[in-house]
Every structure is written in structure tokens, then in C-alpha cells.
Protein backbone atom coordinates (compact mmCIF):
# COMPACT_ATOMS: atom_id res chain seq x y z
CA UNK A 1 -0.22 -0.28 0.20
CA UNK A 2 1.37 3.62 -0.92
CA UNK A 3 1.74 6.03 1.63
CA UNK A 4 -0.54 9.03 1.74
CA UNK A 5 1.06 11.91 3.10
CA UNK A 6 -0.58 15.13 3.38
CA UNK A 7 1.81 18.14 3.81
CA UNK A 8 0.34 21.50 4.96
CA UNK A 9 1.76 25.05 5.48
CA UNK A 10 1.35 26.50 8.42
CA UNK A 11 2.49 30.75 8.43
CA UNK A 12 4.54 31.76 10.91
CA UNK A 13 4.74 28.15 12.33
CA UNK A 14 6.44 26.04 9.93
CA UNK A 15 5.06 23.00 7.45
CA UNK A 16 2.77 20.16 8.62
CA UNK A 17 3.26 16.24 7.38
CA UNK A 18 1.28 13.77 7.84
CA UNK A 19 0.65 10.57 7.95
CA UNK A 20 -1.58 7.39 7.59
CA UNK A 21 0.27 3.79 9.02
CA UNK A 22 -2.93 2.37 7.87
CA UNK A 23 -6.43 3.53 7.01
CA UNK A 24 -6.74 4.64 10.99
CA UNK A 25 -3.98 5.33 12.13
CA UNK A 26 -1.56 7.93 11.50
CA UNK A 27 1.50 10.51 12.83
CA UNK A 28 1.92 14.01 12.07
CA UNK A 29 5.28 16.12 12.42
CA UNK A 30 5.36 19.35 12.65
CA UNK A 31 8.52 20.91 11.43
CA UNK A 32 8.77 24.62 12.81
CA UNK A 33 10.39 27.81 11.53
CA UNK A 34 12.84 27.81 14.50
CA UNK A 35 13.68 23.80 13.07
CA UNK A 36 12.41 22.32 15.98
CA UNK A 37 10.14 19.26 15.31
CA UNK A 38 7.45 17.83 17.17
CA UNK A 39 5.67 14.35 16.40
CA UNK A 40 2.15 13.41 17.00
CA UNK A 41 0.15 9.89 17.03
CA UNK A 42 -3.63 9.18 16.89
CA UNK A 43 -5.29 5.77 16.30
CA UNK A 44 -8.07 7.39 15.36
CA UNK A 45 -9.14 10.03 12.68
CA UNK A 46 -12.01 10.73 14.67
CA UNK A 47 -9.80 11.70 17.86
CA UNK A 48 -7.05 14.49 18.10
CA UNK A 49 -3.50 14.05 18.10
CA UNK A 50 -1.17 13.00 21.25
CA UNK A 51 1.36 14.86 20.83
CA UNK A 52 4.23 12.17 21.50
CA UNK A 53 7.68 13.71 21.46
CA UNK A 54 9.50 16.93 20.86
CA UNK A 55 13.10 17.12 18.82
CA UNK A 56 15.78 19.63 18.08
CA UNK A 57 16.77 19.63 14.43
CA UNK A 58 20.07 17.58 15.17
CA UNK A 59 18.04 15.20 17.05
CA UNK A 60 15.52 15.07 14.44
CA UNK A 61 18.12 14.43 11.80
CA UNK A 62 19.64 12.14 14.06
CA UNK A 63 16.47 9.46 14.77
CA UNK A 64 15.91 9.81 10.61
CA UNK A 65 19.64 8.42 10.34
CA UNK A 66 18.16 5.27 11.99
CA UNK A 67 14.90 5.34 10.25
CA UNK A 68 16.60 5.06 7.32
CA UNK A 69 18.74 2.87 8.42
CA UNK A 70 21.88 4.53 7.97
CA UNK A 71 23.02 2.96 11.23
CA UNK A 72 21.65 -0.74 11.05
CA UNK A 73 20.46 -2.44 7.54
CA UNK A 74 18.47 -5.31 8.92
CA UNK A 75 17.35 -8.32 6.18
CA UNK A 76 13.97 -6.83 5.34
CA UNK A 77 16.02 -3.74 4.54
CA UNK A 78 18.22 -5.07 2.16
CA UNK A 79 16.29 -7.52 0.60
CA UNK A 80 13.77 -3.89 -0.33
CA UNK A 81 16.53 -1.39 -0.50
CA UNK A 82 14.88 0.87 -2.75
CA UNK A 83 12.59 3.39 -1.75
CA UNK A 84 9.50 3.63 -4.71
CA UNK A 85 11.77 6.78 -6.22
CA UNK A 86 13.92 4.37 -6.48
CA UNK A 87 16.45 6.04 -4.69
CA UNK A 88 18.72 3.78 -2.14
CA UNK A 89 21.54 4.85 0.15
CA UNK A 90 24.87 4.40 -0.68
CA UNK A 91 28.39 4.79 1.04
CA UNK A 92 30.89 6.41 0.07
CA UNK A 93 34.31 5.73 1.55
CA UNK A 94 37.09 8.76 1.83
CA UNK A 95 40.39 7.44 0.63
CA UNK A 96 43.50 9.52 -0.07
CA UNK A 97 42.67 8.42 -4.33
CA UNK A 98 38.68 9.71 -3.35
CA UNK A 99 39.32 13.88 -4.26
CA UNK A 100 37.84 14.20 -1.16
CA UNK A 101 40.59 13.94 1.49
CA UNK A 102 41.55 17.38 2.79
CA UNK A 103 38.52 19.22 1.05
CA UNK A 104 35.85 21.39 2.50
CA UNK A 105 32.43 20.46 1.87
CA UNK A 106 31.51 23.59 0.83
CA UNK A 107 34.07 23.42 -1.92
CA UNK A 108 32.68 20.09 -2.83
CA UNK A 109 28.77 21.15 -2.80
CA UNK A 110 27.39 17.32 -3.05
CA UNK A 111 24.13 18.10 -2.56
CA UNK A 112 23.80 21.77 -5.03
CA UNK A 113 25.74 19.88 -8.14
CA UNK A 114 24.30 16.31 -7.91
CA UNK A 115 21.03 14.77 -7.29
CA UNK A 116 21.79 13.43 -3.93
CA UNK A 117 21.14 14.10 -0.57
CA UNK A 118 24.23 13.71 2.07
CA UNK A 119 22.48 12.36 5.27
CA UNK A 120 25.35 12.03 7.21
CA UNK A 121 29.07 11.54 7.82
CA UNK A 122 30.58 8.51 9.64
CA UNK A 123 33.67 9.52 11.28
CA UNK A 124 36.24 7.54 13.92
CA UNK A 125 32.80 5.23 14.57
CA UNK A 126 30.21 7.95 15.56
CA UNK A 127 27.48 9.78 12.93
CA UNK A 128 26.93 12.90 12.20
CA UNK A 129 23.66 14.03 10.63
CA UNK A 130 24.52 17.54 11.14
CA UNK A 131 27.65 18.59 8.24
CA UNK A 132 28.86 21.98 8.66
CA UNK A 133 29.68 23.43 5.10
CA UNK A 134 33.51 24.14 6.71
CA UNK A 135 34.27 20.36 7.59
CA UNK A 136 37.41 18.94 5.89
CA UNK A 137 36.95 15.55 4.68
CA UNK A 138 39.38 13.31 6.42
CA UNK A 139 40.62 9.81 5.10
CA UNK A 140 38.84 7.18 6.75
CA UNK A 141 35.19 9.19 6.38
CA UNK A 142 32.81 7.69 5.01
CA UNK A 143 29.80 9.73 3.67
CA UNK A 144 26.01 8.71 3.79
CA UNK A 145 24.27 9.31 0.84
CA UNK A 146 20.65 8.82 -0.98
CA UNK A 147 19.77 9.47 -4.06
CA UNK A 148 18.22 7.52 -7.27
CA UNK A 149 20.72 5.21 -9.17
CA UNK A 150 21.50 8.80 -12.18
CA UNK A 151 21.58 10.47 -8.66
CA UNK A 152 24.82 7.86 -7.39
CA UNK A 153 26.49 8.00 -10.78
CA UNK A 154 26.11 12.26 -11.12
CA UNK A 155 28.44 11.69 -7.36
CA UNK A 156 30.59 9.30 -8.87
CA UNK A 157 31.27 11.32 -11.76
CA UNK A 158 32.14 13.99 -9.25
CA UNK A 159 33.93 12.94 -6.94
CA UNK A 160 36.39 11.24 -10.18
CA UNK A 161 36.65 15.37 -11.59
CA UNK A 162 38.24 16.49 -7.69
């Protein structure tokens, strides 16, 4: 069953996304202009939403990494790694020959030059979900990137040209 997602602009507040889990239950995420996220849940469309948790921008991005399988891929996720839009997560290692070692993220501009999204950076066993523009990539870093096969090809071409 495809997911039905409803998006609502809330002027002066932010944006609300509502997703039906099944015919009855739904979850709603309010992304405030401050970056704060509030997560709501309801068992029945006739009921009001109950707030479940509030997250900072950084906490929400980290939770998102958990949900997309950046830290752990269960067997089911390995079987169907591709989204309905054809996107999948790929890890890129920064090696001496990768062209990224010693380069700042704002010099590469991965997301602006490709149709991929940089989800995180793994460094020294720690995954960072917020990557500042001034981060210098080091040998041993691993980039967590989502995109279609074509977008990953674009990123591969970009990295080869650095």
C-alpha cells in the first residue's frame, strides 16, 4: 500500500506532514521554522492527535538516520533497499585517491551539484547527521548518501573530477 502523505503550510509556524500508517492510524510531524520538530500520533481519525515527543533539529536528523537504516540495515531492508522513487542509500569512503581527503564540504557542494542528499558523515565510529559547510573530509570518513542510481552516478562523476 503506498503511503498517503498530506503536507500543510502553517504560516508563521512551519510545515506539517501527516502520514497514514494504515486506514485508521496516522502520525504527524510539525517542522517549526525554528527547526524544532514535534511528533504526534493518533489511533483514529475522529480523535485529536497526542503529542509524542519534541526534538531539536539535530536530534530529528539523527532519528531520521536511524529510520532510513544508516546505522543498521535489517534483513528486510536489505531485500528492498530501494524506495518507490528508486532512491537508495550508498556509503562513500574517503580514501587518499577519492579526491575528497582534505577538501571542505562547501568546496565540493555535493547536494548542489548532484541530485543526491548527504544524510550523514561517519567519522571515528560516530555518525554526524548535521554536516557543517566548513567540515574538512578526512581519510577514513564515510559519507552516507541517498539518491537514485542516476544521482549516484552524478556523484561518482563529481568525485572523480575532484
